Amino acid sequence: MLVNVFRLVKRGDSVRPLLIQLAGYSYKNLIMESLYKLRHAETKFKKIIVDHDMTKTERAECKRLDTEAKSLADNDTWGDYVYRVRGNPGQIKS
C-alpha cells in the first residue's frame, strides 16, 4: 500500500529519482523480492534501478564492508569460502 510518492530532483535533470513511501516493511519486502522479474521485462523497464533508502553513514558502512569482503575473497588462497555482505540497511554485517 502506497503512502506517498514524490520526486527527489527538480524537473530538467536527466535522471529523476522517485521516492516511494510504503505502509510497512511487508510491502517493501514483497516488492524487493519481486525485482528479479525486471530482468525479463520489456526493454524500457530494464533501466529501472530499485534500492533501499539509506543514510550517508549507512551507505559508507555498506561500501566499507563490501570492500572488506572483496579483499578477503582476493586474499583467500584456498577458494573454499564465499565472502558476502548481508542484512537489512542499518543492520548490515559481513
PDB file of N, CA and C in Angstrom:
ATOM      1  N   MET A   1       0.843  -1.174   0.000  1.00  0.00           N
ATOM      2  CA  MET A   1       0.000   0.000   0.000  1.00  0.00           C
ATOM      3  C   MET A   1       0.891   1.241   0.000  1.00  0.00           C
ATOM      4  N   LEU A   2       0.687   2.103  -0.956  1.00  0.00           N
ATOM      5  CA  LEU A   2       1.471   3.324  -1.068  1.00  0.00           C
ATOM      6  C   LEU A   2       0.959   4.388  -0.110  1.00  0.00           C
ATOM      7  N   VAL A   3       1.901   5.063   0.541  1.00  0.00           N
ATOM      8  CA  VAL A   3       1.560   6.164   1.429  1.00  0.00           C
ATOM      9  C   VAL A   3       1.847   7.485   0.737  1.00  0.00           C
ATOM     10  N   ASN A   4       3.045   7.579   0.121  1.00  0.00           N
ATOM     11  CA  ASN A   4       3.453   8.827  -0.509  1.00  0.00           C
ATOM     12  C   ASN A   4       4.448   8.519  -1.623  1.00  0.00           C
ATOM     13  N   VAL A   5       4.361   9.270  -2.729  1.00  0.00           N
ATOM     14  CA  VAL A   5       5.287   9.130  -3.850  1.00  0.00           C
ATOM     15  C   VAL A   5       5.679  10.533  -4.290  1.00  0.00           C
ATOM     16  N   PHE A   6       6.999  10.798  -4.386  1.00  0.00           N
ATOM     17  CA  PHE A   6       7.431  12.104  -4.877  1.00  0.00           C
ATOM     18  C   PHE A   6       8.824  12.023  -5.478  1.00  0.00           C
ATOM     19  N   ARG A   7       9.138  12.994  -6.333  1.00  0.00           N
ATOM     20  CA  ARG A   7      10.441  13.084  -6.991  1.00  0.00           C
ATOM     21  C   ARG A   7      11.437  13.754  -6.061  1.00  0.00           C
ATOM     22  N   LEU A   8      12.709  13.329  -6.152  1.00  0.00           N
ATOM     23  CA  LEU A   8      13.751  13.885  -5.296  1.00  0.00           C
ATOM     24  C   LEU A   8      14.538  15.010  -5.964  1.00  0.00           C
ATOM     25  N   VAL A   9      14.428  15.147  -7.286  1.00  0.00           N
ATOM     26  CA  VAL A   9      15.212  16.137  -8.029  1.00  0.00           C
ATOM     27  C   VAL A   9      14.254  16.995  -8.841  1.00  0.00           C
ATOM     28  N   LYS A  10      14.624  18.250  -9.020  1.00  0.00           N
ATOM     29  CA  LYS A  10      13.786  19.165  -9.789  1.00  0.00           C
ATOM     30  C   LYS A  10      13.734  18.758 -11.250  1.00  0.00           C
ATOM     31  N   ARG A  11      12.696  19.175 -11.924  1.00  0.00           N
ATOM     32  CA  ARG A  11      12.492  18.879 -13.329  1.00  0.00           C
ATOM     33  C   ARG A  11      13.618  19.502 -14.159  1.00  0.00           C
ATOM     34  N   GLY A  12      14.026  18.819 -15.206  1.00  0.00           N
ATOM     35  CA  GLY A  12      15.064  19.325 -16.089  1.00  0.00           C
ATOM     36  C   GLY A  12      16.338  18.500 -16.027  1.00  0.00           C
ATOM     37  N   ASP A  13      16.561  17.810 -14.914  1.00  0.00           N
ATOM     38  CA  ASP A  13      17.724  16.925 -14.835  1.00  0.00           C
ATOM     39  C   ASP A  13      17.428  15.643 -15.605  1.00  0.00           C
ATOM     40  N   SER A  14      18.483  14.980 -16.054  1.00  0.00           N
ATOM     41  CA  SER A  14      18.295  13.797 -16.879  1.00  0.00           C
ATOM     42  C   SER A  14      17.723  12.622 -16.085  1.00  0.00           C
ATOM     43  N   VAL A  15      18.226  12.390 -14.895  1.00  0.00           N
ATOM     44  CA  VAL A  15      17.743  11.291 -14.061  1.00  0.00           C
ATOM     45  C   VAL A  15      16.989  11.881 -12.874  1.00  0.00           C
ATOM     46  N   ARG A  16      15.751  11.468 -12.694  1.00  0.00           N
ATOM     47  CA  ARG A  16      14.934  11.990 -11.603  1.00  0.00           C
ATOM     48  C   ARG A  16      14.503  10.849 -10.700  1.00  0.00           C
ATOM     49  N   PRO A  17      15.209  10.631  -9.599  1.00  0.00           N
ATOM     50  CA  PRO A  17      14.844   9.540  -8.692  1.00  0.00           C
ATOM     51  C   PRO A  17      13.464   9.751  -8.081  1.00  0.00           C
ATOM     52  N   LEU A  18      12.825   8.654  -7.793  1.00  0.00           N
ATOM     53  CA  LEU A  18      11.490   8.648  -7.231  1.00  0.00           C
ATOM     54  C   LEU A  18      11.545   7.978  -5.868  1.00  0.00           C
ATOM     55  N   LEU A  19      11.030   8.640  -4.844  1.00  0.00           N
ATOM     56  CA  LEU A  19      10.973   8.062  -3.509  1.00  0.00           C
ATOM     57  C   LEU A  19       9.545   7.585  -3.263  1.00  0.00           C
ATOM     58  N   ILE A  20       9.423   6.313  -2.928  1.00  0.00           N
ATOM     59  CA  ILE A  20       8.111   5.719  -2.682  1.00  0.00           C
ATOM     60  C   ILE A  20       8.053   5.304  -1.222  1.00  0.00           C
ATOM     61  N   GLN A  21       7.093   5.842  -0.492  1.00  0.00           N
ATOM     62  CA  GLN A  21       6.910   5.507   0.912  1.00  0.00           C
ATOM     63  C   GLN A  21       5.778   4.493   1.006  1.00  0.00           C
ATOM     64  N   LEU A  22       6.074   3.355   1.646  1.00  0.00           N
ATOM     65  CA  LEU A  22       5.097   2.279   1.772  1.00  0.00           C
ATOM     66  C   LEU A  22       4.559   2.214   3.200  1.00  0.00           C
ATOM     67  N   ALA A  23       3.434   1.547   3.364  1.00  0.00           N
ATOM     68  CA  ALA A  23       2.773   1.485   4.665  1.00  0.00           C
ATOM     69  C   ALA A  23       3.526   0.615   5.674  1.00  0.00           C
ATOM     70  N   GLY A  24       4.293  -0.361   5.196  1.00  0.00           N
ATOM     71  CA  GLY A  24       5.010  -1.226   6.129  1.00  0.00           C
ATOM     72  C   GLY A  24       6.108  -2.008   5.446  1.00  0.00           C
ATOM     73  N   TYR A  25       6.911  -2.687   6.272  1.00  0.00           N
ATOM     74  CA  TYR A  25       8.036  -3.461   5.747  1.00  0.00           C
ATOM     75  C   TYR A  25       7.579  -4.650   4.921  1.00  0.00           C
ATOM     76  N   SER A  26       6.407  -5.193   5.200  1.00  0.00           N
ATOM     77  CA  SER A  26       5.936  -6.349   4.440  1.00  0.00           C
ATOM     78  C   SER A  26       5.710  -5.980   2.972  1.00  0.00           C
ATOM     79  N   TYR A  27       5.218  -4.780   2.706  1.00  0.00           N
ATOM     80  CA  TYR A  27       5.032  -4.324   1.326  1.00  0.00           C
ATOM     81  C   TYR A  27       6.384  -4.127   0.640  1.00  0.00           C
ATOM     82  N   LYS A  28       7.319  -3.547   1.370  1.00  0.00           N
ATOM     83  CA  LYS A  28       8.655  -3.331   0.828  1.00  0.00           C
ATOM     84  C   LYS A  28       9.321  -4.660   0.505  1.00  0.00           C
ATOM     85  N   ASN A  29       9.228  -5.623   1.419  1.00  0.00           N
ATOM     86  CA  ASN A  29       9.831  -6.928   1.192  1.00  0.00           C
ATOM     87  C   ASN A  29       9.210  -7.628  -0.010  1.00  0.00           C
ATOM     88  N   LEU A  30       7.913  -7.497  -0.173  1.00  0.00           N
ATOM     89  CA  LEU A  30       7.233  -8.099  -1.317  1.00  0.00           C
ATOM     90  C   LEU A  30       7.751  -7.514  -2.627  1.00  0.00           C
ATOM     91  N   ILE A  31       7.934  -6.207  -2.666  1.00  0.00           N
ATOM     92  CA  ILE A  31       8.452  -5.546  -3.865  1.00  0.00           C
ATOM     93  C   ILE A  31       9.903  -5.939  -4.110  1.00  0.00           C
ATOM     94  N   MET A  32      10.727  -5.914  -3.069  1.00  0.00           N
ATOM     95  CA  MET A  32      12.143  -6.230  -3.233  1.00  0.00           C
ATOM     96  C   MET A  32      12.356  -7.684  -3.666  1.00  0.00           C
ATOM     97  N   GLU A  33      11.510  -8.595  -3.206  1.00  0.00           N
ATOM     98  CA  GLU A  33      11.627  -9.993  -3.598  1.00  0.00           C
ATOM     99  C   GLU A  33      11.170 -10.238  -5.028  1.00  0.00           C
ATOM    100  N   SER A  34      10.391  -9.328  -5.595  1.00  0.00           N
ATOM    101  CA  SER A  34       9.872  -9.493  -6.952  1.00  0.00           C
ATOM    102  C   SER A  34      10.706  -8.771  -8.007  1.00  0.00           C
ATOM    103  N   LEU A  35      11.809  -8.159  -7.613  1.00  0.00           N
ATOM    104  CA  LEU A  35      12.601  -7.370  -8.556  1.00  0.00           C
ATOM    105  C   LEU A  35      13.282  -8.211  -9.622  1.00  0.00           C
ATOM    106  N   TYR A  36      13.478  -9.493  -9.378  1.00  0.00           N
ATOM    107  CA  TYR A  36      14.118 -10.339 -10.381  1.00  0.00           C
ATOM    108  C   TYR A  36      13.298 -10.392 -11.671  1.00  0.00           C
ATOM    109  N   LYS A  37      12.021 -10.092 -11.594  1.00  0.00           N
ATOM    110  CA  LYS A  37      11.153 -10.110 -12.772  1.00  0.00           C
ATOM    111  C   LYS A  37      11.492  -8.996 -13.754  1.00  0.00           C
ATOM    112  N   LEU A  38      12.175  -7.939 -13.290  1.00  0.00           N
ATOM    113  CA  LEU A  38      12.552  -6.847 -14.187  1.00  0.00           C
ATOM    114  C   LEU A  38      13.582  -7.294 -15.222  1.00  0.00           C
ATOM    115  N   ARG A  39      14.345  -8.339 -14.923  1.00  0.00           N
ATOM    116  CA  ARG A  39      15.334  -8.837 -15.887  1.00  0.00           C
ATOM    117  C   ARG A  39      14.669  -9.366 -17.138  1.00  0.00           C
ATOM    118  N   HIS A  40      13.454  -9.870 -17.011  1.00  0.00           N
ATOM    119  CA  HIS A  40      12.747 -10.452 -18.146  1.00  0.00           C
ATOM    120  C   HIS A  40      11.672  -9.512 -18.687  1.00  0.00           C
ATOM    121  N   ALA A  41      11.706  -8.262 -18.286  1.00  0.00           N
ATOM    122  CA  ALA A  41      10.689  -7.292 -18.698  1.00  0.00           C
ATOM    123  C   ALA A  41      11.044  -6.698 -20.061  1.00  0.00           C
ATOM    124  N   GLU A  42      10.163  -5.827 -20.544  1.00  0.00           N
ATOM    125  CA  GLU A  42      10.411  -5.134 -21.803  1.00  0.00           C
ATOM    126  C   GLU A  42      11.650  -4.250 -21.674  1.00  0.00           C
ATOM    127  N   THR A  43      12.198  -3.844 -22.798  1.00  0.00           N
ATOM    128  CA  THR A  43      13.437  -3.070 -22.835  1.00  0.00           C
ATOM    129  C   THR A  43      13.313  -1.756 -22.074  1.00  0.00           C
ATOM    130  N   LYS A  44      12.168  -1.080 -22.147  1.00  0.00           N
ATOM    131  CA  LYS A  44      12.036   0.220 -21.490  1.00  0.00           C
ATOM    132  C   LYS A  44      12.047   0.114 -19.967  1.00  0.00           C
ATOM    133  N   PHE A  45      11.780  -1.071 -19.411  1.00  0.00           N
ATOM    134  CA  PHE A  45      11.782  -1.254 -17.966  1.00  0.00           C
ATOM    135  C   PHE A  45      13.099  -1.805 -17.431  1.00  0.00           C
ATOM    136  N   LYS A  46      14.013  -2.199 -18.292  1.00  0.00           N
ATOM    137  CA  LYS A  46      15.268  -2.807 -17.846  1.00  0.00           C
ATOM    138  C   LYS A  46      16.221  -1.795 -17.225  1.00  0.00           C
ATOM    139  N   LYS A  47      16.029  -0.512 -17.454  1.00  0.00           N
ATOM    140  CA  LYS A  47      16.900   0.519 -16.897  1.00  0.00           C
ATOM    141  C   LYS A  47      16.476   0.951 -15.497  1.00  0.00           C
ATOM    142  N   ILE A  48      15.394   0.405 -14.975  1.00  0.00           N
ATOM    143  CA  ILE A  48      14.897   0.771 -13.653  1.00  0.00           C
ATOM    144  C   ILE A  48      15.796   0.156 -12.589  1.00  0.00           C
ATOM    145  N   ILE A  49      16.194   0.962 -11.630  1.00  0.00           N
ATOM    146  CA  ILE A  49      17.006   0.509 -10.507  1.00  0.00           C
ATOM    147  C   ILE A  49      16.225   0.772  -9.227  1.00  0.00           C
ATOM    148  N   VAL A  50      16.057  -0.249  -8.415  1.00  0.00           N
ATOM    149  CA  VAL A  50      15.353  -0.127  -7.145  1.00  0.00           C
ATOM    150  C   VAL A  50      16.349  -0.448  -6.050  1.00  0.00           C
ATOM    151  N   ASP A  51      16.418   0.402  -5.036  1.00  0.00           N
ATOM    152  CA  ASP A  51      17.384   0.212  -3.967  1.00  0.00           C
ATOM    153  C   ASP A  51      16.780   0.670  -2.646  1.00  0.00           C
ATOM    154  N   HIS A  52      17.396   0.234  -1.558  1.00  0.00           N
ATOM    155  CA  HIS A  52      16.966   0.655  -0.232  1.00  0.00           C
ATOM    156  C   HIS A  52      17.312   2.131  -0.020  1.00  0.00           C
ATOM    157  N   ASP A  53      16.497   2.814   0.762  1.00  0.00           N
ATOM    158  CA  ASP A  53      16.773   4.203   1.120  1.00  0.00           C
ATOM    159  C   ASP A  53      17.664   4.188   2.359  1.00  0.00           C
ATOM    160  N   MET A  54      18.934   4.605   2.177  1.00  0.00           N
ATOM    161  CA  MET A  54      19.894   4.580   3.282  1.00  0.00           C
ATOM    162  C   MET A  54      20.469   5.974   3.507  1.00  0.00           C
ATOM    163  N   THR A  55      20.901   6.219   4.726  1.00  0.00           N
ATOM    164  CA  THR A  55      21.564   7.483   5.038  1.00  0.00           C
ATOM    165  C   THR A  55      22.997   7.425   4.509  1.00  0.00           C
ATOM    166  N   LYS A  56      23.690   8.570   4.557  1.00  0.00           N
ATOM    167  CA  LYS A  56      25.068   8.611   4.073  1.00  0.00           C
ATOM    168  C   LYS A  56      25.978   7.704   4.890  1.00  0.00           C
ATOM    169  N   THR A  57      25.768   7.653   6.192  1.00  0.00           N
ATOM    170  CA  THR A  57      26.610   6.796   7.033  1.00  0.00           C
ATOM    171  C   THR A  57      26.333   5.312   6.758  1.00  0.00           C
ATOM    172  N   GLU A  58      25.078   4.955   6.507  1.00  0.00           N
ATOM    173  CA  GLU A  58      24.759   3.574   6.164  1.00  0.00           C
ATOM    174  C   GLU A  58      25.376   3.183   4.831  1.00  0.00           C
ATOM    175  N   ARG A  59      25.329   4.095   3.845  1.00  0.00           N
ATOM    176  CA  ARG A  59      25.953   3.820   2.545  1.00  0.00           C
ATOM    177  C   ARG A  59      27.454   3.658   2.682  1.00  0.00           C
ATOM    178  N   ALA A  60      28.092   4.506   3.504  1.00  0.00           N
ATOM    179  CA  ALA A  60      29.538   4.413   3.710  1.00  0.00           C
ATOM    180  C   ALA A  60      29.895   3.099   4.400  1.00  0.00           C
ATOM    181  N   GLU A  61      29.114   2.698   5.386  1.00  0.00           N
ATOM    182  CA  GLU A  61      29.362   1.432   6.080  1.00  0.00           C
ATOM    183  C   GLU A  61      29.187   0.247   5.138  1.00  0.00           C
ATOM    184  N   CYS A  62      28.173   0.292   4.300  1.00  0.00           N
ATOM    185  CA  CYS A  62      27.937  -0.778   3.328  1.00  0.00           C
ATOM    186  C   CYS A  62      29.099  -0.870   2.343  1.00  0.00           C
ATOM    187  N   LYS A  63      29.567   0.270   1.878  1.00  0.00           N
ATOM    188  CA  LYS A  63      30.693   0.298   0.939  1.00  0.00           C
ATOM    189  C   LYS A  63      31.957  -0.235   1.603  1.00  0.00           C
ATOM    190  N   ARG A  64      32.191   0.125   2.868  1.00  0.00           N
ATOM    191  CA  ARG A  64      33.368  -0.350   3.585  1.00  0.00           C
ATOM    192  C   ARG A  64      33.328  -1.869   3.750  1.00  0.00           C
ATOM    193  N   LEU A  65      32.173  -2.403   4.144  1.00  0.00           N
ATOM    194  CA  LEU A  65      32.034  -3.840   4.310  1.00  0.00           C
ATOM    195  C   LEU A  65      32.167  -4.583   2.985  1.00  0.00           C
ATOM    196  N   ASP A  66      31.659  -3.992   1.915  1.00  0.00           N
ATOM    197  CA  ASP A  66      31.777  -4.595   0.593  1.00  0.00           C
ATOM    198  C   ASP A  66      33.237  -4.655   0.157  1.00  0.00           C
ATOM    199  N   THR A  67      33.974  -3.569   0.382  1.00  0.00           N
ATOM    200  CA  THR A  67      35.398  -3.542   0.047  1.00  0.00           C
ATOM    201  C   THR A  67      36.165  -4.568   0.877  1.00  0.00           C
ATOM    202  N   GLU A  68      35.811  -4.675   2.144  1.00  0.00           N
ATOM    203  CA  GLU A  68      36.460  -5.649   3.032  1.00  0.00           C
ATOM    204  C   GLU A  68      36.195  -7.082   2.561  1.00  0.00           C
ATOM    205  N   ALA A  69      34.954  -7.375   2.159  1.00  0.00           N
ATOM    206  CA  ALA A  69      34.609  -8.713   1.680  1.00  0.00           C
ATOM    207  C   ALA A  69      35.346  -9.034   0.382  1.00  0.00           C
ATOM    208  N   LYS A  70      35.478  -8.055  -0.508  1.00  0.00           N
ATOM    209  CA  LYS A  70      36.210  -8.286  -1.760  1.00  0.00           C
ATOM    210  C   LYS A  70      37.686  -8.543  -1.502  1.00  0.00           C
ATOM    211  N   SER A  71      38.280  -7.813  -0.563  1.00  0.00           N
ATOM    212  CA  SER A  71      39.692  -8.030  -0.265  1.00  0.00           C
ATOM    213  C   SER A  71      39.900  -9.398   0.390  1.00  0.00           C
ATOM    214  N   LEU A  72      38.971  -9.835   1.249  1.00  0.00           N
ATOM    215  CA  LEU A  72      39.059 -11.173   1.838  1.00  0.00           C
ATOM    216  C   LEU A  72      38.955 -12.251   0.763  1.00  0.00           C
ATOM    217  N   ALA A  73      38.073 -12.043  -0.209  1.00  0.00           N
ATOM    218  CA  ALA A  73      37.919 -13.015  -1.295  1.00  0.00           C
ATOM    219  C   ALA A  73      39.174 -13.061  -2.165  1.00  0.00           C
ATOM    220  N   ASP A  74      39.791 -11.899  -2.404  1.00  0.00           N
ATOM    221  CA  ASP A  74      41.009 -11.860  -3.221  1.00  0.00           C
ATOM    222  C   ASP A  74      42.186 -12.515  -2.509  1.00  0.00           C
ATOM    223  N   ASN A  75      42.242 -12.401  -1.180  1.00  0.00           N
ATOM    224  CA  ASN A  75      43.347 -12.959  -0.403  1.00  0.00           C
ATOM    225  C   ASN A  75      43.139 -14.426  -0.038  1.00  0.00           C
ATOM    226  N   ASP A  76      41.954 -14.961  -0.297  1.00  0.00           N
ATOM    227  CA  ASP A  76      41.661 -16.356   0.030  1.00  0.00           C
ATOM    228  C   ASP A  76      42.359 -17.263  -0.981  1.00  0.00           C
ATOM    229  N   THR A  77      43.378 -18.002  -0.537  1.00  0.00           N
ATOM    230  CA  THR A  77      44.148 -18.846  -1.448  1.00  0.00           C
ATOM    231  C   THR A  77      43.490 -20.202  -1.679  1.00  0.00           C
ATOM    232  N   TRP A  78      42.675 -20.670  -0.742  1.00  0.00           N
ATOM    233  CA  TRP A  78      42.050 -21.975  -0.889  1.00  0.00           C
ATOM    234  C   TRP A  78      40.819 -21.929  -1.785  1.00  0.00           C
ATOM    235  N   GLY A  79      40.083 -20.842  -1.751  1.00  0.00           N
ATOM    236  CA  GLY A  79      38.868 -20.726  -2.563  1.00  0.00           C
ATOM    237  C   GLY A  79      37.683 -21.480  -2.000  1.00  0.00           C
ATOM    238  N   ASP A  80      37.739 -21.849  -0.721  1.00  0.00           N
ATOM    239  CA  ASP A  80      36.657 -22.613  -0.110  1.00  0.00           C
ATOM    240  C   ASP A  80      35.520 -21.734   0.412  1.00  0.00           C
ATOM    241  N   TYR A  81      35.775 -20.456   0.607  1.00  0.00           N
ATOM    242  CA  TYR A  81      34.794 -19.574   1.232  1.00  0.00           C
ATOM    243  C   TYR A  81      34.274 -18.535   0.249  1.00  0.00           C
ATOM    244  N   VAL A  82      33.026 -18.116   0.488  1.00  0.00           N
ATOM    245  CA  VAL A  82      32.415 -17.030  -0.273  1.00  0.00           C
ATOM    246  C   VAL A  82      32.156 -15.899   0.712  1.00  0.00           C
ATOM    247  N   TYR A  83      32.673 -14.726   0.420  1.00  0.00           N
ATOM    248  CA  TYR A  83      32.526 -13.570   1.310  1.00  0.00           C
ATOM    249  C   TYR A  83      31.453 -12.652   0.747  1.00  0.00           C
ATOM    250  N   ARG A  84      30.407 -12.404   1.559  1.00  0.00           N
ATOM    251  CA  ARG A  84      29.298 -11.558   1.137  1.00  0.00           C
ATOM    252  C   ARG A  84      28.916 -10.611   2.259  1.00  0.00           C
ATOM    253  N   VAL A  85      28.278  -9.517   1.873  1.00  0.00           N
ATOM    254  CA  VAL A  85      27.721  -8.574   2.839  1.00  0.00           C
ATOM    255  C   VAL A  85      26.230  -8.848   2.896  1.00  0.00           C
ATOM    256  N   ARG A  86      25.709  -9.075   4.104  1.00  0.00           N
ATOM    257  CA  ARG A  86      24.314  -9.457   4.256  1.00  0.00           C
ATOM    258  C   ARG A  86      23.607  -8.576   5.267  1.00  0.00           C
ATOM    259  N   GLY A  87      22.292  -8.500   5.147  1.00  0.00           N
ATOM    260  CA  GLY A  87      21.473  -7.825   6.144  1.00  0.00           C
ATOM    261  C   GLY A  87      20.678  -6.668   5.561  1.00  0.00           C
ATOM    262  N   ASN A  88      19.774  -6.175   6.369  1.00  0.00           N
ATOM    263  CA  ASN A  88      18.968  -5.025   6.003  1.00  0.00           C
ATOM    264  C   ASN A  88      19.769  -3.750   6.192  1.00  0.00           C
ATOM    265  N   PRO A  89      19.413  -2.670   5.492  1.00  0.00           N
ATOM    266  CA  PRO A  89      20.118  -1.406   5.691  1.00  0.00           C
ATOM    267  C   PRO A  89      20.077  -0.997   7.161  1.00  0.00           C
ATOM    268  N   GLY A  90      21.216  -0.638   7.691  1.00  0.00           N
ATOM    269  CA  GLY A  90      21.318  -0.284   9.093  1.00  0.00           C
ATOM    270  C   GLY A  90      21.708  -1.439   9.977  1.00  0.00           C
ATOM    271  N   GLN A  91      21.580  -2.667   9.454  1.00  0.00           N
ATOM    272  CA  GLN A  91      21.941  -3.872  10.213  1.00  0.00           C
ATOM    273  C   GLN A  91      22.836  -4.772   9.376  1.00  0.00           C
ATOM    274  N   ILE A  92      23.643  -4.186   8.522  1.00  0.00           N
ATOM    275  CA  ILE A  92      24.483  -4.937   7.594  1.00  0.00           C
ATOM    276  C   ILE A  92      25.670  -5.523   8.324  1.00  0.00           C
ATOM    277  N   LYS A  93      26.028  -6.756   7.958  1.00  0.00           N
ATOM    278  CA  LYS A  93      27.203  -7.405   8.532  1.00  0.00           C
ATOM    279  C   LYS A  93      27.868  -8.240   7.460  1.00  0.00           C
ATOM    280  N   SER A  94      29.152  -8.524   7.662  1.00  0.00           N
ATOM    281  CA  SER A  94      29.855  -9.346   6.676  1.00  0.00           C
ATOM    282  C   SER A  94      30.037 -10.750   7.197  1.00  0.00           C
TER     283      SER A  94
END
